[in-house]
Amino acid sequence: PIKYTMEQGGKRLRPTLVLATCEAFGKDWKHAIYPAIGME
């Protein structure tokens, strides 16, 4: 059921906000990727 849920896609809005905010302040998004994934 977890795989089923995560494979359905979605807007991925929340992790995108984490990554974009990190980069907006000059830091590579990769530094925030796992917290972003966690939020999704």
All heavy atoms as atom14 arrays in JSON, in Angstrom:
{
  "sequence": "PIKYTMEQGGKRLRPTLVLATCEAFGKDWKHAIYPAIGME",
  "atom14_mask": [
    [1, 1, 1, 1, 1, 1, 1, 0, 0, 0, 0, 0, 0, 0],
    [1, 1, 1, 1, 1, 1, 1, 1, 0, 0, 0, 0, 0, 0],
    [1, 1, 1, 1, 1, 1, 1, 1, 1, 0, 0, 0, 0, 0],
    [1, 1, 1, 1, 1, 1, 1, 1, 1, 1, 1, 1, 0, 0],
    [1, 1, 1, 1, 1, 1, 1, 0, 0, 0, 0, 0, 0, 0],
    [1, 1, 1, 1, 1, 1, 1, 1, 0, 0, 0, 0, 0, 0],
    [1, 1, 1, 1, 1, 1, 1, 1, 1, 0, 0, 0, 0, 0],
    [1, 1, 1, 1, 1, 1, 1, 1, 1, 0, 0, 0, 0, 0],
    [1, 1, 1, 1, 0, 0, 0, 0, 0, 0, 0, 0, 0, 0],
    [1, 1, 1, 1, 0, 0, 0, 0, 0, 0, 0, 0, 0, 0],
    [1, 1, 1, 1, 1, 1, 1, 1, 1, 0, 0, 0, 0, 0],
    [1, 1, 1, 1, 1, 1, 1, 1, 1, 1, 1, 0, 0, 0],
    [1, 1, 1, 1, 1, 1, 1, 1, 0, 0, 0, 0, 0, 0],
    [1, 1, 1, 1, 1, 1, 1, 1, 1, 1, 1, 0, 0, 0],
    [1, 1, 1, 1, 1, 1, 1, 0, 0, 0, 0, 0, 0, 0],
    [1, 1, 1, 1, 1, 1, 1, 0, 0, 0, 0, 0, 0, 0],
    [1, 1, 1, 1, 1, 1, 1, 1, 0, 0, 0, 0, 0, 0],
    [1, 1, 1, 1, 1, 1, 1, 0, 0, 0, 0, 0, 0, 0],
    [1, 1, 1, 1, 1, 1, 1, 1, 0, 0, 0, 0, 0, 0],
    [1, 1, 1, 1, 1, 0, 0, 0, 0, 0, 0, 0, 0, 0],
    [1, 1, 1, 1, 1, 1, 1, 0, 0, 0, 0, 0, 0, 0],
    [1, 1, 1, 1, 1, 1, 0, 0, 0, 0, 0, 0, 0, 0],
    [1, 1, 1, 1, 1, 1, 1, 1, 1, 0, 0, 0, 0, 0],
    [1, 1, 1, 1, 1, 0, 0, 0, 0, 0, 0, 0, 0, 0],
    [1, 1, 1, 1, 1, 1, 1, 1, 1, 1, 1, 0, 0, 0],
    [1, 1, 1, 1, 0, 0, 0, 0, 0, 0, 0, 0, 0, 0],
    [1, 1, 1, 1, 1, 1, 1, 1, 1, 0, 0, 0, 0, 0],
    [1, 1, 1, 1, 1, 1, 1, 1, 0, 0, 0, 0, 0, 0],
    [1, 1, 1, 1, 1, 1, 1, 1, 1, 1, 1, 1, 1, 1],
    [1, 1, 1, 1, 1, 1, 1, 1, 1, 0, 0, 0, 0, 0],
    [1, 1, 1, 1, 1, 1, 1, 1, 1, 1, 0, 0, 0, 0],
    [1, 1, 1, 1, 1, 0, 0, 0, 0, 0, 0, 0, 0, 0],
    [1, 1, 1, 1, 1, 1, 1, 1, 0, 0, 0, 0, 0, 0],
    [1, 1, 1, 1, 1, 1, 1, 1, 1, 1, 1, 1, 0, 0],
    [1, 1, 1, 1, 1, 1, 1, 0, 0, 0, 0, 0, 0, 0],
    [1, 1, 1, 1, 1, 0, 0, 0, 0, 0, 0, 0, 0, 0],
    [1, 1, 1, 1, 1, 1, 1, 1, 0, 0, 0, 0, 0, 0],
    [1, 1, 1, 1, 0, 0, 0, 0, 0, 0, 0, 0, 0, 0],
    [1, 1, 1, 1, 1, 1, 1, 1, 0, 0, 0, 0, 0, 0],
    [1, 1, 1, 1, 1, 1, 1, 1, 1, 0, 0, 0, 0, 0]
  ],
  "atom14_positions": [
    [[0.81, -1.22, 0.0], [0.0, 0.0, 0.0], [0.84, 1.28, 0.0], [0.43, 2.3, -0.55], [-0.82, -0.11, 1.3], [-0.88, -1.56, 1.58], [0.45, -2.11, 1.13], [0.0, 0.0, 0.0], [0.0, 0.0, 0.0], [0.0, 0.0, 0.0], [0.0, 0.0, 0.0], [0.0, 0.0, 0.0], [0.0, 0.0, 0.0], [0.0, 0.0, 0.0]],
    [[2.03, 1.21, 0.62], [2.91, 2.38, 0.62], [3.41, 2.65, -0.8], [3.37, 3.79, -1.29], [4.09, 2.17, 1.59], [3.59, 2.03, 3.02], [5.09, 3.33, 1.48], [4.67, 1.67, 4.03], [0.0, 0.0, 0.0], [0.0, 0.0, 0.0], [0.0, 0.0, 0.0], [0.0, 0.0, 0.0], [0.0, 0.0, 0.0], [0.0, 0.0, 0.0]],
    [[3.87, 1.59, -1.46], [4.33, 1.75, -2.85], [3.19, 2.24, -3.74], [3.37, 3.12, -4.59], [4.9, 0.43, -3.36], [6.23, 0.06, -2.73], [6.9, -1.12, -3.41], [6.3, -2.43, -2.97], [7.03, -3.6, -3.5], [0.0, 0.0, 0.0], [0.0, 0.0, 0.0], [0.0, 0.0, 0.0], [0.0, 0.0, 0.0], [0.0, 0.0, 0.0]],
    [[2.02, 1.66, -3.55], [0.83, 2.04, -4.31], [0.54, 3.54, -4.15], [0.27, 4.24, -5.13], [-0.34, 1.2, -3.8], [-1.71, 1.58, -4.32], [-2.14, 1.17, -5.58], [-2.61, 2.29, -3.52], [-3.42, 1.48, -6.03], [-3.88, 2.61, -3.96], [-4.27, 2.2, -5.22], [-5.55, 2.51, -5.67], [0.0, 0.0, 0.0], [0.0, 0.0, 0.0]],
    [[0.64, 4.02, -2.94], [0.37, 5.43, -2.64], [1.42, 6.34, -3.28], [1.08, 7.33, -3.93], [0.34, 5.66, -1.12], [-0.7, 4.88, -0.54], [0.13, 7.13, -0.8], [0.0, 0.0, 0.0], [0.0, 0.0, 0.0], [0.0, 0.0, 0.0], [0.0, 0.0, 0.0], [0.0, 0.0, 0.0], [0.0, 0.0, 0.0], [0.0, 0.0, 0.0]],
    [[2.68, 6.01, -3.08], [3.75, 6.89, -3.55], [3.9, 6.88, -5.07], [4.47, 7.81, -5.64], [5.07, 6.52, -2.87], [5.06, 6.66, -1.35], [4.44, 8.26, -0.74], [5.59, 9.4, -1.5], [0.0, 0.0, 0.0], [0.0, 0.0, 0.0], [0.0, 0.0, 0.0], [0.0, 0.0, 0.0], [0.0, 0.0, 0.0], [0.0, 0.0, 0.0]],
    [[3.39, 5.86, -5.72], [3.49, 5.78, -7.19], [2.36, 6.53, -7.89], [2.35, 6.62, -9.12], [3.5, 4.32, -7.63], [4.81, 3.59, -7.3], [4.73, 2.09, -7.53], [3.62, 1.6, -7.91], [5.74, 1.4, -7.32], [0.0, 0.0, 0.0], [0.0, 0.0, 0.0], [0.0, 0.0, 0.0], [0.0, 0.0, 0.0], [0.0, 0.0, 0.0]],
    [[1.42, 7.06, -7.13], [0.27, 7.74, -7.75], [0.6, 9.15, -8.21], [-0.2, 9.79, -8.88], [-0.91, 7.78, -6.77], [-1.57, 6.43, -6.56], [-2.55, 6.45, -5.42], [-3.05, 7.52, -5.02], [-2.84, 5.29, -4.87], [0.0, 0.0, 0.0], [0.0, 0.0, 0.0], [0.0, 0.0, 0.0], [0.0, 0.0, 0.0], [0.0, 0.0, 0.0]],
    [[1.75, 9.63, -7.85], [2.16, 10.97, -8.29], [1.59, 12.05, -7.4], [1.67, 11.97, -6.18], [0.0, 0.0, 0.0], [0.0, 0.0, 0.0], [0.0, 0.0, 0.0], [0.0, 0.0, 0.0], [0.0, 0.0, 0.0], [0.0, 0.0, 0.0], [0.0, 0.0, 0.0], [0.0, 0.0, 0.0], [0.0, 0.0, 0.0], [0.0, 0.0, 0.0]],
    [[0.99, 13.05, -8.02], [0.54, 14.22, -7.27], [1.36, 15.43, -7.66], [2.3, 15.35, -8.46], [0.0, 0.0, 0.0], [0.0, 0.0, 0.0], [0.0, 0.0, 0.0], [0.0, 0.0, 0.0], [0.0, 0.0, 0.0], [0.0, 0.0, 0.0], [0.0, 0.0, 0.0], [0.0, 0.0, 0.0], [0.0, 0.0, 0.0], [0.0, 0.0, 0.0]],
    [[1.03, 16.57, -7.08], [1.69, 17.82, -7.46], [3.1, 17.95, -6.91], [3.89, 18.76, -7.37], [0.83, 19.01, -6.98], [-0.48, 19.15, -7.73], [-1.31, 20.32, -7.21], [-2.04, 19.95, -5.94], [-3.09, 18.95, -6.12], [0.0, 0.0, 0.0], [0.0, 0.0, 0.0], [0.0, 0.0, 0.0], [0.0, 0.0, 0.0], [0.0, 0.0, 0.0]],
    [[3.41, 17.15, -5.86], [4.73, 17.23, -5.17], [5.01, 18.66, -4.74], [6.15, 19.12, -4.76], [5.85, 16.72, -6.08], [5.65, 15.35, -6.7], [5.42, 14.26, -5.68], [5.51, 12.91, -6.26], [4.94, 11.83, -5.75], [4.22, 11.93, -4.64], [5.08, 10.66, -6.33], [0.0, 0.0, 0.0], [0.0, 0.0, 0.0], [0.0, 0.0, 0.0]],
    [[3.95, 19.35, -4.33], [4.08, 20.75, -3.94], [4.99, 20.93, -2.73], [5.86, 21.8, -2.72], [2.69, 21.32, -3.64], [2.63, 22.7, -2.99], [3.26, 23.75, -3.91], [1.18, 23.06, -2.66], [0.0, 0.0, 0.0], [0.0, 0.0, 0.0], [0.0, 0.0, 0.0], [0.0, 0.0, 0.0], [0.0, 0.0, 0.0], [0.0, 0.0, 0.0]],
    [[4.79, 20.12, -1.72], [5.51, 20.32, -0.46], [7.02, 20.11, -0.59], [7.79, 20.97, -0.15], [4.87, 19.44, 0.62], [3.48, 19.94, 1.0], [2.55, 18.85, 1.48], [1.19, 19.36, 1.63], [0.32, 19.45, 0.61], [0.66, 19.04, -0.6], [-0.89, 19.94, 0.8], [0.0, 0.0, 0.0], [0.0, 0.0, 0.0], [0.0, 0.0, 0.0]],
    [[7.47, 19.03, -1.19], [8.93, 18.9, -1.36], [9.5, 19.96, -2.29], [10.64, 20.4, -2.11], [9.1, 17.5, -1.93], [7.79, 17.15, -2.54], [6.77, 17.82, -1.68], [0.0, 0.0, 0.0], [0.0, 0.0, 0.0], [0.0, 0.0, 0.0], [0.0, 0.0, 0.0], [0.0, 0.0, 0.0], [0.0, 0.0, 0.0], [0.0, 0.0, 0.0]],
    [[8.72, 20.37, -3.28], [9.18, 21.42, -4.18], [9.42, 22.72, -3.42], [10.41, 23.42, -3.66], [8.16, 21.64, -5.31], [8.14, 20.49, -6.16], [8.53, 22.86, -6.16], [0.0, 0.0, 0.0], [0.0, 0.0, 0.0], [0.0, 0.0, 0.0], [0.0, 0.0, 0.0], [0.0, 0.0, 0.0], [0.0, 0.0, 0.0], [0.0, 0.0, 0.0]],
    [[8.54, 23.03, -2.47], [8.72, 24.25, -1.67], [9.99, 24.17, -0.84], [10.71, 25.16, -0.69], [7.51, 24.46, -0.76], [6.21, 24.92, -1.43], [5.09, 25.01, -0.41], [6.4, 26.26, -2.13], [0.0, 0.0, 0.0], [0.0, 0.0, 0.0], [0.0, 0.0, 0.0], [0.0, 0.0, 0.0], [0.0, 0.0, 0.0], [0.0, 0.0, 0.0]],
    [[10.29, 22.99, -0.29], [11.53, 22.83, 0.49], [12.74, 23.1, -0.39], [13.62, 23.9, -0.05], [11.62, 21.41, 1.09], [12.95, 21.24, 1.83], [10.46, 21.13, 2.04], [0.0, 0.0, 0.0], [0.0, 0.0, 0.0], [0.0, 0.0, 0.0], [0.0, 0.0, 0.0], [0.0, 0.0, 0.0], [0.0, 0.0, 0.0], [0.0, 0.0, 0.0]],
    [[12.79, 22.44, -1.54], [13.96, 22.55, -2.43], [14.1, 23.95, -3.0], [15.21, 24.51, -3.05], [13.85, 21.53, -3.56], [13.75, 20.05, -3.17], [13.73, 19.18, -4.4], [14.9, 19.65, -2.24], [0.0, 0.0, 0.0], [0.0, 0.0, 0.0], [0.0, 0.0, 0.0], [0.0, 0.0, 0.0], [0.0, 0.0, 0.0], [0.0, 0.0, 0.0]],
    [[12.98, 24.52, -3.46], [13.03, 25.84, -4.09], [13.44, 26.91, -3.08], [14.2, 27.83, -3.4], [11.68, 26.17, -4.7], [0.0, 0.0, 0.0], [0.0, 0.0, 0.0], [0.0, 0.0, 0.0], [0.0, 0.0, 0.0], [0.0, 0.0, 0.0], [0.0, 0.0, 0.0], [0.0, 0.0, 0.0], [0.0, 0.0, 0.0], [0.0, 0.0, 0.0]],
    [[12.94, 26.81, -1.84], [13.31, 27.79, -0.82], [14.79, 27.69, -0.49], [15.47, 28.71, -0.33], [12.46, 27.59, 0.45], [11.07, 27.61, 0.1], [12.75, 28.68, 1.47], [0.0, 0.0, 0.0], [0.0, 0.0, 0.0], [0.0, 0.0, 0.0], [0.0, 0.0, 0.0], [0.0, 0.0, 0.0], [0.0, 0.0, 0.0], [0.0, 0.0, 0.0]],
    [[15.29, 26.47, -0.4], [16.71, 26.28, -0.13], [17.55, 26.94, -1.23], [18.5, 27.69, -0.94], [17.01, 24.78, -0.04], [18.72, 24.4, 0.4], [0.0, 0.0, 0.0], [0.0, 0.0, 0.0], [0.0, 0.0, 0.0], [0.0, 0.0, 0.0], [0.0, 0.0, 0.0], [0.0, 0.0, 0.0], [0.0, 0.0, 0.0], [0.0, 0.0, 0.0]],
    [[17.2, 26.7, -2.47], [17.97, 27.29, -3.59], [17.78, 28.8, -3.68], [18.68, 29.51, -4.12], [17.56, 26.62, -4.9], [18.16, 25.25, -5.09], [18.69, 25.06, -6.49], [18.02, 25.47, -7.46], [19.79, 24.49, -6.63], [0.0, 0.0, 0.0], [0.0, 0.0, 0.0], [0.0, 0.0, 0.0], [0.0, 0.0, 0.0], [0.0, 0.0, 0.0]],
    [[16.6, 29.27, -3.29], [16.34, 30.72, -3.37], [17.31, 31.51, -2.5], [17.61, 32.67, -2.79], [14.9, 31.02, -2.95], [0.0, 0.0, 0.0], [0.0, 0.0, 0.0], [0.0, 0.0, 0.0], [0.0, 0.0, 0.0], [0.0, 0.0, 0.0], [0.0, 0.0, 0.0], [0.0, 0.0, 0.0], [0.0, 0.0, 0.0], [0.0, 0.0, 0.0]],
    [[17.83, 30.85, -1.46], [18.8, 31.51, -0.58], [20.23, 31.09, -0.9], [21.15, 31.29, -0.11], [18.47, 31.23, 0.89], [17.3, 32.03, 1.38], [16.06, 31.44, 1.5], [17.46, 33.37, 1.71], [14.97, 32.18, 1.95], [16.38, 34.11, 2.16], [15.13, 33.52, 2.28], [0.0, 0.0, 0.0], [0.0, 0.0, 0.0], [0.0, 0.0, 0.0]],
    [[20.42, 30.51, -2.09], [21.77, 30.31, -2.59], [22.43, 28.99, -2.25], [23.64, 28.82, -2.48], [0.0, 0.0, 0.0], [0.0, 0.0, 0.0], [0.0, 0.0, 0.0], [0.0, 0.0, 0.0], [0.0, 0.0, 0.0], [0.0, 0.0, 0.0], [0.0, 0.0, 0.0], [0.0, 0.0, 0.0], [0.0, 0.0, 0.0], [0.0, 0.0, 0.0]],
    [[21.67, 28.02, -1.73], [22.25, 26.73, -1.4], [21.69, 25.66, -2.32], [20.51, 25.66, -2.65], [21.95, 26.37, 0.06], [22.94, 25.35, 0.65], [22.86, 25.39, 2.17], [23.98, 24.58, 2.8], [23.94, 24.66, 4.29], [0.0, 0.0, 0.0], [0.0, 0.0, 0.0], [0.0, 0.0, 0.0], [0.0, 0.0, 0.0], [0.0, 0.0, 0.0]],
    [[22.53, 24.73, -2.74], [22.11, 23.67, -3.66], [20.96, 22.87, -3.06], [20.99, 22.5, -1.88], [23.3, 22.74, -3.94], [23.05, 21.82, -5.13], [22.06, 21.06, -5.08], [23.84, 21.85, -6.08], [0.0, 0.0, 0.0], [0.0, 0.0, 0.0], [0.0, 0.0, 0.0], [0.0, 0.0, 0.0], [0.0, 0.0, 0.0], [0.0, 0.0, 0.0]],
    [[19.94, 22.59, -3.88], [18.76, 21.88, -3.41], [19.08, 20.5, -2.84], [18.33, 19.96, -2.0], [17.73, 21.75, -4.52], [18.2, 20.99, -5.75], [18.74, 21.55, -6.88], [18.19, 19.58, -5.96], [19.07, 20.56, -7.79], [18.73, 19.34, -7.25], [17.77, 18.49, -5.21], [18.86, 18.07, -7.79], [17.9, 17.21, -5.74], [18.44, 17.01, -7.01]],
    [[20.2, 19.91, -3.27], [20.55, 18.57, -2.8], [20.74, 18.52, -1.29], [20.56, 17.46, -0.67], [21.8, 18.06, -3.51], [21.62, 17.78, -5.0], [22.88, 17.19, -5.6], [22.71, 16.87, -7.09], [22.6, 18.11, -7.9], [0.0, 0.0, 0.0], [0.0, 0.0, 0.0], [0.0, 0.0, 0.0], [0.0, 0.0, 0.0], [0.0, 0.0, 0.0]],
    [[21.11, 19.65, -0.68], [21.28, 19.68, 0.78], [19.95, 19.45, 1.5], [19.95, 19.04, 2.67], [21.87, 21.03, 1.22], [23.3, 21.22, 0.84], [24.34, 20.76, 1.62], [23.87, 21.82, -0.24], [25.49, 21.07, 1.04], [25.24, 21.71, -0.09], [0.0, 0.0, 0.0], [0.0, 0.0, 0.0], [0.0, 0.0, 0.0], [0.0, 0.0, 0.0]],
    [[18.85, 19.69, 0.8], [17.53, 19.6, 1.43], [16.69, 18.45, 0.89], [15.52, 18.32, 1.27], [16.78, 20.92, 1.25], [0.0, 0.0, 0.0], [0.0, 0.0, 0.0], [0.0, 0.0, 0.0], [0.0, 0.0, 0.0], [0.0, 0.0, 0.0], [0.0, 0.0, 0.0], [0.0, 0.0, 0.0], [0.0, 0.0, 0.0], [0.0, 0.0, 0.0]],
    [[17.26, 17.61, 0.05], [16.44, 16.62, -0.65], [15.78, 15.62, 0.28], [14.6, 15.28, 0.1], [17.25, 15.9, -1.77], [16.35, 14.98, -2.59], [18.44, 15.17, -1.2], [15.21, 15.66, -3.32], [0.0, 0.0, 0.0], [0.0, 0.0, 0.0], [0.0, 0.0, 0.0], [0.0, 0.0, 0.0], [0.0, 0.0, 0.0], [0.0, 0.0, 0.0]],
    [[16.48, 15.13, 1.28], [15.86, 14.1, 2.12], [14.77, 14.66, 3.05], [13.7, 14.03, 3.19], [16.92, 13.3, 2.86], [17.61, 12.33, 1.91], [18.9, 12.59, 1.44], [16.94, 11.2, 1.45], [19.51, 11.73, 0.53], [17.56, 10.34, 0.55], [18.83, 10.6, 0.09], [19.43, 9.75, -0.82], [0.0, 0.0, 0.0], [0.0, 0.0, 0.0]],
    [[14.98, 15.82, 3.67], [13.84, 16.42, 4.38], [12.66, 16.69, 3.44], [11.5, 16.53, 3.83], [14.42, 17.71, 4.95], [15.86, 17.4, 5.15], [16.23, 16.54, 3.97], [0.0, 0.0, 0.0], [0.0, 0.0, 0.0], [0.0, 0.0, 0.0], [0.0, 0.0, 0.0], [0.0, 0.0, 0.0], [0.0, 0.0, 0.0], [0.0, 0.0, 0.0]],
    [[12.95, 17.09, 2.2], [11.87, 17.32, 1.23], [11.11, 16.04, 0.96], [9.87, 16.01, 0.95], [12.45, 17.89, -0.07], [0.0, 0.0, 0.0], [0.0, 0.0, 0.0], [0.0, 0.0, 0.0], [0.0, 0.0, 0.0], [0.0, 0.0, 0.0], [0.0, 0.0, 0.0], [0.0, 0.0, 0.0], [0.0, 0.0, 0.0], [0.0, 0.0, 0.0]],
    [[11.84, 14.94, 0.75], [11.22, 13.64, 0.52], [10.41, 13.22, 1.74], [9.31, 12.69, 1.64], [12.29, 12.58, 0.19], [12.98, 12.89, -1.14], [11.68, 11.18, 0.16], [12.07, 12.95, -2.33], [0.0, 0.0, 0.0], [0.0, 0.0, 0.0], [0.0, 0.0, 0.0], [0.0, 0.0, 0.0], [0.0, 0.0, 0.0], [0.0, 0.0, 0.0]],
    [[10.97, 13.49, 2.93], [10.27, 13.17, 4.17], [8.93, 13.89, 4.27], [7.93, 13.3, 4.71], [0.0, 0.0, 0.0], [0.0, 0.0, 0.0], [0.0, 0.0, 0.0], [0.0, 0.0, 0.0], [0.0, 0.0, 0.0], [0.0, 0.0, 0.0], [0.0, 0.0, 0.0], [0.0, 0.0, 0.0], [0.0, 0.0, 0.0], [0.0, 0.0, 0.0]],
    [[8.92, 15.15, 3.87], [7.67, 15.91, 3.94], [6.63, 15.35, 2.96], [5.43, 15.34, 3.26], [7.93, 17.39, 3.65], [8.79, 18.09, 4.7], [8.06, 18.06, 6.36], [7.28, 19.68, 6.4], [0.0, 0.0, 0.0], [0.0, 0.0, 0.0], [0.0, 0.0, 0.0], [0.0, 0.0, 0.0], [0.0, 0.0, 0.0], [0.0, 0.0, 0.0]],
    [[7.08, 14.86, 1.82], [6.13, 14.29, 0.85], [5.58, 12.95, 1.35], [4.38, 12.68, 1.21], [6.81, 14.1, -0.51], [5.92, 13.51, -1.59], [4.76, 14.42, -1.99], [4.7, 15.59, -1.54], [3.9, 13.95, -2.77], [0.0, 0.0, 0.0], [0.0, 0.0, 0.0], [0.0, 0.0, 0.0], [0.0, 0.0, 0.0], [0.0, 0.0, 0.0]]
  ]
}
